[in-house]
Amino acid sequence: MLNGTIDNAPTSVSVDMDLSADGIYWEAVENIIQKTKKSDGKKTDGSPETFLLKGTLRIKSGFLQYRQFTWEPFHADVNFDGNTVSVHATRAALCGISTTGDVTIAPSGAEIDIALSADNLELQPAILCISEKKVDITGKFSMKADLKGKGPLDTIAKSLNGSFTISAKKGKIYKSQSLDKTLDLVNKTENVKGTLPDLDKTIITYRDFSASGTIKKHILELEESVLDANSFGILAQGKIDLQSETLDLNALVAPVNRVQRIVGKIPVLGKILGGSLVSIPVRIKGNLSDPEVTFLSPSAVGSAFFGIIERTLKLPLTIIEPVLPAKK
């Protein structure tokens, strides 16, 4: 549904229009733009100087699909001045996560300033959407993230940077290949002897999950990530490459029993009753959906792990070398 006016002029087109649509496929828009440029003999480098529009286009669309990403809904004000295109997203959600901000495209390049946020939302629909149903976790989650960048339009992704925090509470883990492989590996050691849950056979209940870090280009730097489940805790640090969909994390897996959780809140009793956490270091590396998990030497564990574990799980930390069963 279109409402507005278009004034024709020899050198430009003035626009003041409201556009309503069930959905927008950006690939189709790009194809139309390219065909128009070729037929007019204009440049095809994507710079706004090849556009003759001036004015404002107010868009209300059920969705906007760009490559593998879909925003539902997508409401934005698009302003043209004949030289610059400015997009201000007023209401947009990617996998249920609010995505608002500004994108400006000029002959000199592009500039992006976007904020992502969620407040006490259901985690399961979001994580199923983001992971393409490869990860299934319930609970309530909140997050904040910012993403900024400035540079040539075709290489703008290389200039992106920002930060993020995310937390989730009181949920269940139904599916996660990286977690399943991690628990399976640690369960094989003599130190643990199968005391950790098997995600292939049972549902894991967790109390808290939190993560924070930075984003630079397409690399997500995970500075601190903690999962506090009923029978274990995991701390992870490392990098996730969003472009290649790979990860490289160092993690500590700490089995926790009920006695340790109780005495861990009372430091004196914790020392008397042996409340120290025993943790096994592992490395999680490879494809996001199916990584390889191997044991890590305790000497390779950074000092930052100690303070985070003690602050989060409220118990002293002992990192040990995994002991594998003797071969028969």
Protein backbone atom coordinates (compact mmCIF):
# COMPACT_ATOMS: atom_id res chain seq x y z
CA MET A 1 0.00 0.00 0.00
CA LEU A 2 1.50 3.33 -1.10
CA ASN A 3 0.45 6.77 0.06
CA GLY A 4 2.30 9.95 -0.93
CA THR A 5 3.45 12.13 -3.77
CA ILE A 6 6.20 12.02 -6.40
CA ASP A 7 7.21 15.19 -8.23
CA ASN A 8 9.01 14.66 -11.51
CA ALA A 9 11.84 16.97 -12.55
CA PRO A 10 14.45 16.75 -15.29
CA THR A 11 17.28 15.95 -12.88
CA SER A 12 15.64 14.49 -9.76
CA VAL A 13 12.56 12.87 -8.20
CA SER A 14 11.10 14.23 -4.96
CA VAL A 15 9.49 11.66 -2.68
CA ASP A 16 7.23 11.97 0.37
CA MET A 17 5.69 8.56 0.75
CA ASP A 18 4.33 5.99 3.21
CA LEU A 19 5.02 2.43 2.13
CA SER A 20 3.29 -0.58 3.67
CA ALA A 21 4.21 -4.12 2.63
CA ASP A 22 3.79 -7.69 3.79
CA GLY A 23 7.51 -8.15 3.34
CA ILE A 24 10.62 -6.92 1.54
CA TYR A 25 13.30 -9.12 -0.03
CA TRP A 26 16.43 -6.99 -0.27
CA GLU A 27 17.86 -9.13 -3.06
CA ALA A 28 14.90 -8.19 -5.27
CA VAL A 29 15.46 -4.50 -4.47
CA GLU A 30 19.16 -4.79 -5.39
CA ASN A 31 18.27 -6.44 -8.71
CA ILE A 32 15.87 -3.63 -9.61
CA ILE A 33 18.46 -0.97 -8.73
CA GLN A 34 21.15 -2.66 -10.81
CA LYS A 35 18.85 -3.02 -13.84
CA THR A 36 17.83 0.64 -13.57
CA LYS A 37 21.44 1.80 -13.43
CA LYS A 38 22.44 -0.28 -16.45
CA SER A 39 19.52 0.93 -18.55
CA ASP A 40 20.28 4.56 -17.68
CA GLY A 41 24.01 4.16 -18.36
CA LYS A 42 24.79 5.21 -14.78
CA LYS A 43 27.55 3.98 -12.53
CA THR A 44 27.08 0.57 -10.95
CA ASP A 45 29.34 0.94 -7.94
CA GLY A 46 26.41 1.30 -5.52
CA SER A 47 27.24 4.85 -4.48
CA PRO A 48 24.29 7.19 -3.77
CA GLU A 49 25.46 9.68 -6.41
CA THR A 50 23.79 7.41 -8.99
CA PHE A 51 20.39 7.99 -7.35
CA LEU A 52 18.24 11.04 -8.13
CA LEU A 53 15.73 10.64 -5.29
CA LYS A 54 15.12 13.38 -2.74
CA GLY A 55 12.74 13.30 0.21
CA THR A 56 11.48 10.72 2.73
CA LEU A 57 10.18 7.19 2.46
CA ARG A 58 8.44 5.83 5.59
CA ILE A 59 8.46 2.03 5.50
CA LYS A 60 6.26 -0.34 7.51
CA SER A 61 6.94 -3.90 6.43
CA GLY A 62 6.04 -7.22 7.98
CA PHE A 63 9.62 -8.32 7.42
CA LEU A 64 12.88 -7.45 5.71
CA GLN A 65 15.00 -10.34 4.47
CA TYR A 66 18.69 -9.67 3.80
CA ARG A 67 20.74 -12.75 2.91
CA GLN A 68 20.22 -15.23 5.77
CA PHE A 69 18.82 -12.58 8.16
CA THR A 70 15.15 -11.68 8.59
CA TRP A 71 13.87 -8.74 10.63
CA GLU A 72 10.23 -9.06 11.75
CA PRO A 73 8.77 -6.46 11.69
CA PHE A 74 10.79 -3.78 9.91
CA HIS A 75 9.77 -0.12 10.30
CA ALA A 76 12.15 2.61 9.13
CA ASP A 77 12.38 6.15 7.82
CA VAL A 78 14.56 6.47 4.72
CA ASN A 79 15.75 9.96 3.78
CA PHE A 80 17.29 10.91 0.41
CA ASP A 81 19.02 14.21 -0.36
CA GLY A 82 20.27 13.33 -3.82
CA ASN A 83 23.70 12.48 -2.48
CA THR A 84 23.17 10.60 0.78
CA VAL A 85 20.77 7.87 1.85
CA SER A 86 19.98 7.73 5.59
CA VAL A 87 18.04 4.82 7.10
CA HIS A 88 16.67 5.17 10.64
CA ALA A 89 15.20 1.88 11.89
CA THR A 90 12.45 2.76 14.38
CA ARG A 91 11.13 -0.75 14.98
CA ALA A 92 12.89 -3.92 13.91
CA ALA A 93 13.51 -7.31 15.48
CA LEU A 94 16.03 -9.98 14.49
CA CYS A 95 15.06 -13.34 16.05
CA GLY A 96 12.93 -11.36 18.50
CA ILE A 97 15.85 -9.09 19.49
CA SER A 98 15.20 -5.38 19.02
CA THR A 99 17.53 -3.94 16.35
CA THR A 100 17.31 -0.18 15.97
CA GLY A 101 19.66 2.55 14.85
CA ASP A 102 21.03 4.35 11.83
CA VAL A 103 22.74 3.46 8.57
CA THR A 104 24.05 6.28 6.35
CA ILE A 105 25.36 5.70 2.82
CA ALA A 106 27.26 8.45 1.01
CA PRO A 107 29.69 8.62 -1.94
CA SER A 108 32.58 8.55 0.54
CA GLY A 109 31.32 5.36 2.21
CA ALA A 110 28.90 4.14 4.85
CA GLU A 111 28.40 4.63 8.57
CA ILE A 112 26.54 2.26 10.92
CA ASP A 113 25.33 2.83 14.48
CA ILE A 114 23.00 0.05 15.67
CA ALA A 115 21.78 -1.07 19.11
CA LEU A 116 20.50 -4.57 19.93
CA SER A 117 18.48 -5.19 23.07
CA ALA A 118 16.20 -7.67 24.83
CA ASP A 119 14.61 -7.47 28.27
CA ASN A 120 13.34 -10.60 30.01
CA LEU A 121 12.33 -12.30 26.77
CA GLU A 122 11.74 -16.01 26.17
CA LEU A 123 15.07 -17.52 25.16
CA GLN A 124 13.87 -20.59 23.26
CA PRO A 125 12.40 -18.86 20.17
CA ALA A 126 15.45 -16.59 19.86
CA ILE A 127 18.08 -19.32 20.23
CA LEU A 128 16.26 -21.65 17.82
CA CYS A 129 16.16 -18.81 15.28
CA ILE A 130 19.78 -17.73 15.71
CA SER A 131 21.19 -21.28 15.66
CA GLU A 132 18.85 -22.50 12.91
CA LYS A 133 17.44 -25.04 15.42
CA LYS A 134 20.85 -26.51 16.24
CA VAL A 135 20.62 -25.27 19.86
CA ASP A 136 17.51 -25.53 22.05
CA ILE A 137 17.48 -23.79 25.45
CA THR A 138 14.62 -22.33 27.50
CA GLY A 139 14.60 -19.56 30.12
CA LYS A 140 14.31 -15.78 30.22
CA PHE A 141 17.10 -13.68 28.77
CA SER A 142 18.23 -10.07 28.55
CA MET A 143 20.94 -8.54 26.41
CA LYS A 144 22.51 -5.29 25.28
CA ALA A 145 24.87 -4.77 22.37
CA ASP A 146 26.09 -1.93 20.20
CA LEU A 147 27.61 -2.09 16.75
CA LYS A 148 29.38 0.79 15.02
CA GLY A 149 31.43 1.11 11.87
CA LYS A 150 32.57 3.52 9.20
CA GLY A 151 34.22 2.92 5.84
CA PRO A 152 33.72 1.98 2.18
CA LEU A 153 30.34 0.37 1.58
CA ASP A 154 31.68 -2.89 0.15
CA THR A 155 34.11 -3.39 3.07
CA ILE A 156 32.09 -1.85 5.93
CA ALA A 157 32.05 -5.20 7.80
CA LYS A 158 35.82 -4.88 8.33
CA SER A 159 35.37 -1.69 10.36
CA LEU A 160 32.59 -2.88 12.69
CA ASN A 161 33.21 -2.87 16.43
CA GLY A 162 31.19 -2.84 19.64
CA SER A 163 30.46 -4.67 22.89
CA PHE A 164 27.79 -6.99 24.27
CA THR A 165 26.38 -8.50 27.47
CA ILE A 166 23.83 -11.29 27.77
CA SER A 167 22.27 -13.15 30.68
CA ALA A 168 19.70 -15.94 31.02
CA LYS A 169 18.05 -17.47 34.06
CA LYS A 170 16.18 -20.57 35.19
CA GLY A 171 15.88 -22.67 32.09
CA LYS A 172 16.50 -26.07 30.59
CA ILE A 173 19.02 -27.18 27.98
CA TYR A 174 17.59 -29.64 25.45
CA LYS A 175 20.19 -29.47 22.68
CA SER A 176 23.73 -28.12 22.33
CA GLN A 177 26.38 -30.08 20.45
CA SER A 178 29.33 -28.21 21.96
CA LEU A 179 28.05 -28.69 25.53
CA ASP A 180 27.20 -32.36 24.89
CA LYS A 181 30.68 -33.08 23.53
CA THR A 182 32.34 -31.23 26.43
CA LEU A 183 30.45 -33.16 29.11
CA ASP A 184 30.99 -36.47 27.29
CA LEU A 185 34.77 -35.91 27.20
CA VAL A 186 35.09 -34.90 30.86
CA ASN A 187 32.85 -37.81 31.90
CA LYS A 188 35.48 -40.23 30.57
CA THR A 189 38.08 -39.14 33.12
CA GLU A 190 38.80 -40.94 36.37
CA ASN A 191 38.38 -37.57 38.09
CA VAL A 192 34.68 -37.41 37.23
CA LYS A 193 33.74 -41.01 36.37
CA GLY A 194 30.47 -40.32 34.60
CA THR A 195 28.95 -38.06 37.26
CA LEU A 196 28.08 -35.31 34.76
CA PRO A 197 24.77 -35.49 32.86
CA ASP A 198 24.57 -36.88 29.33
CA LEU A 199 22.68 -34.37 27.17
CA ASP A 200 21.79 -37.16 24.71
CA LYS A 201 19.79 -38.90 27.44
CA THR A 202 18.65 -36.18 29.83
CA ILE A 203 17.59 -32.53 30.05
CA ILE A 204 19.97 -30.21 31.90
CA THR A 205 18.56 -27.59 34.26
CA TYR A 206 20.56 -24.40 34.78
CA ARG A 207 20.24 -21.45 37.16
CA ASP A 208 22.23 -18.76 35.39
CA PHE A 209 24.11 -18.11 32.19
CA SER A 210 26.04 -14.91 31.47
CA ALA A 211 28.46 -13.75 28.80
CA SER A 212 30.16 -10.49 27.88
CA GLY A 213 32.77 -9.32 25.44
CA THR A 214 33.56 -7.24 22.40
CA ILE A 215 32.92 -7.36 18.66
CA LYS A 216 35.55 -6.34 16.14
CA LYS A 217 35.02 -6.89 12.43
CA HIS A 218 33.41 -10.34 12.34
CA ILE A 219 35.19 -11.62 15.46
CA LEU A 220 33.28 -11.95 18.73
CA GLU A 221 35.76 -11.86 21.61
CA LEU A 222 34.25 -13.75 24.56
CA GLU A 223 35.86 -12.21 27.63
CA GLU A 224 33.73 -14.01 30.22
CA SER A 225 31.08 -16.70 29.86
CA VAL A 226 29.69 -18.67 32.80
CA LEU A 227 27.08 -21.43 32.88
CA ASP A 228 25.85 -22.40 36.36
CA ALA A 229 23.92 -25.67 36.08
CA ASN A 230 22.58 -27.95 38.80
CA SER A 231 25.48 -30.41 38.78
CA PHE A 232 28.31 -28.47 37.17
CA GLY A 233 29.68 -25.07 36.24
CA ILE A 234 31.50 -24.03 33.07
CA LEU A 235 33.61 -20.96 32.42
CA ALA A 236 34.73 -20.15 28.88
CA GLN A 237 36.88 -17.53 27.17
CA GLY A 238 37.97 -17.18 23.55
CA LYS A 239 36.86 -16.16 20.09
CA ILE A 240 33.93 -16.83 17.77
CA ASP A 241 34.30 -16.04 14.06
CA LEU A 242 30.84 -15.11 12.81
CA GLN A 243 31.97 -15.04 9.18
CA SER A 244 33.47 -18.53 9.03
CA GLU A 245 31.08 -19.82 11.74
CA THR A 246 33.94 -21.24 13.80
CA LEU A 247 35.03 -20.91 17.43
CA ASP A 248 38.16 -21.35 19.54
CA LEU A 249 37.45 -21.39 23.29
CA ASN A 250 39.28 -22.43 26.44
CA ALA A 251 36.92 -23.67 29.14
CA LEU A 252 36.94 -25.01 32.69
CA VAL A 253 34.42 -27.70 33.65
CA ALA A 254 33.72 -27.97 37.38
CA PRO A 255 31.41 -30.70 38.73
CA VAL A 256 29.46 -29.32 41.68
CA ASN A 257 27.50 -31.39 44.19
CA ARG A 258 24.81 -30.25 46.63
CA VAL A 259 27.15 -30.18 49.65
CA GLN A 260 29.60 -27.94 47.82
CA ARG A 261 26.83 -25.50 46.90
CA ILE A 262 25.69 -25.25 50.52
CA VAL A 263 29.12 -24.93 52.15
CA GLY A 264 30.40 -22.70 49.37
CA LYS A 265 28.33 -19.87 50.84
CA ILE A 266 30.16 -20.25 54.19
CA PRO A 267 33.93 -19.89 53.60
CA VAL A 268 35.04 -21.50 56.90
CA LEU A 269 32.82 -24.57 56.46
CA GLY A 270 33.87 -24.73 52.85
CA LYS A 271 37.51 -25.24 53.83
CA ILE A 272 36.71 -27.73 56.60
CA LEU A 273 34.37 -29.87 54.50
CA GLY A 274 36.45 -29.76 51.34
CA GLY A 275 34.38 -27.23 49.43
CA SER A 276 37.09 -26.55 46.85
CA LEU A 277 35.98 -26.90 43.24
CA VAL A 278 37.86 -29.36 41.09
CA SER A 279 37.87 -28.19 37.47
CA ILE A 280 39.16 -29.78 34.28
CA PRO A 281 40.40 -27.55 31.42
CA VAL A 282 39.28 -28.25 27.85
CA ARG A 283 39.55 -26.60 24.44
CA ILE A 284 36.51 -26.24 22.17
CA LYS A 285 37.51 -25.55 18.60
CA GLY A 286 36.09 -25.88 15.09
CA ASN A 287 32.70 -25.51 13.44
CA LEU A 288 30.07 -23.77 15.58
CA SER A 289 27.52 -26.53 15.09
CA ASP A 290 29.92 -29.45 15.59
CA PRO A 291 33.24 -28.46 17.23
CA GLU A 292 36.06 -30.70 18.45
CA VAL A 293 36.62 -30.85 22.22
CA THR A 294 40.02 -31.84 23.62
CA PHE A 295 41.75 -31.67 26.99
CA LEU A 296 43.84 -28.59 27.77
CA SER A 297 46.97 -28.42 29.91
CA PRO A 298 46.41 -26.62 33.26
CA SER A 299 49.46 -24.46 32.47
CA ALA A 300 47.61 -23.09 29.42
CA VAL A 301 44.79 -21.69 31.57
CA GLY A 302 44.91 -17.91 32.02
CA SER A 303 44.88 -16.28 35.45
CA ALA A 304 41.59 -14.52 34.64
CA PHE A 305 39.75 -17.82 35.11
CA PHE A 306 40.45 -17.96 38.85
CA GLY A 307 38.78 -14.74 39.88
CA ILE A 308 35.74 -15.31 37.68
CA ILE A 309 35.05 -18.85 38.97
CA GLU A 310 35.45 -17.87 42.63
CA ARG A 311 33.25 -14.79 42.17
CA THR A 312 30.56 -16.68 40.25
CA LEU A 313 30.38 -20.10 41.91
CA LYS A 314 31.47 -18.86 45.36
CA LEU A 315 34.05 -21.59 45.89
CA PRO A 316 37.86 -21.90 45.76
CA LEU A 317 39.20 -23.32 42.49
CA THR A 318 41.63 -26.14 41.83
CA ILE A 319 42.58 -26.89 38.23
CA ILE A 320 43.68 -30.51 37.74
CA GLU A 321 45.16 -32.62 34.98
CA PRO A 322 42.53 -35.04 33.63
CA VAL A 323 43.22 -38.69 34.49
CA LEU A 324 42.09 -41.12 31.80
CA PRO A 325 41.29 -44.79 32.53
CA ALA A 326 44.22 -47.14 32.00
CA LYS A 327 44.04 -49.12 28.79
CA LYS A 328 43.43 -52.84 29.27
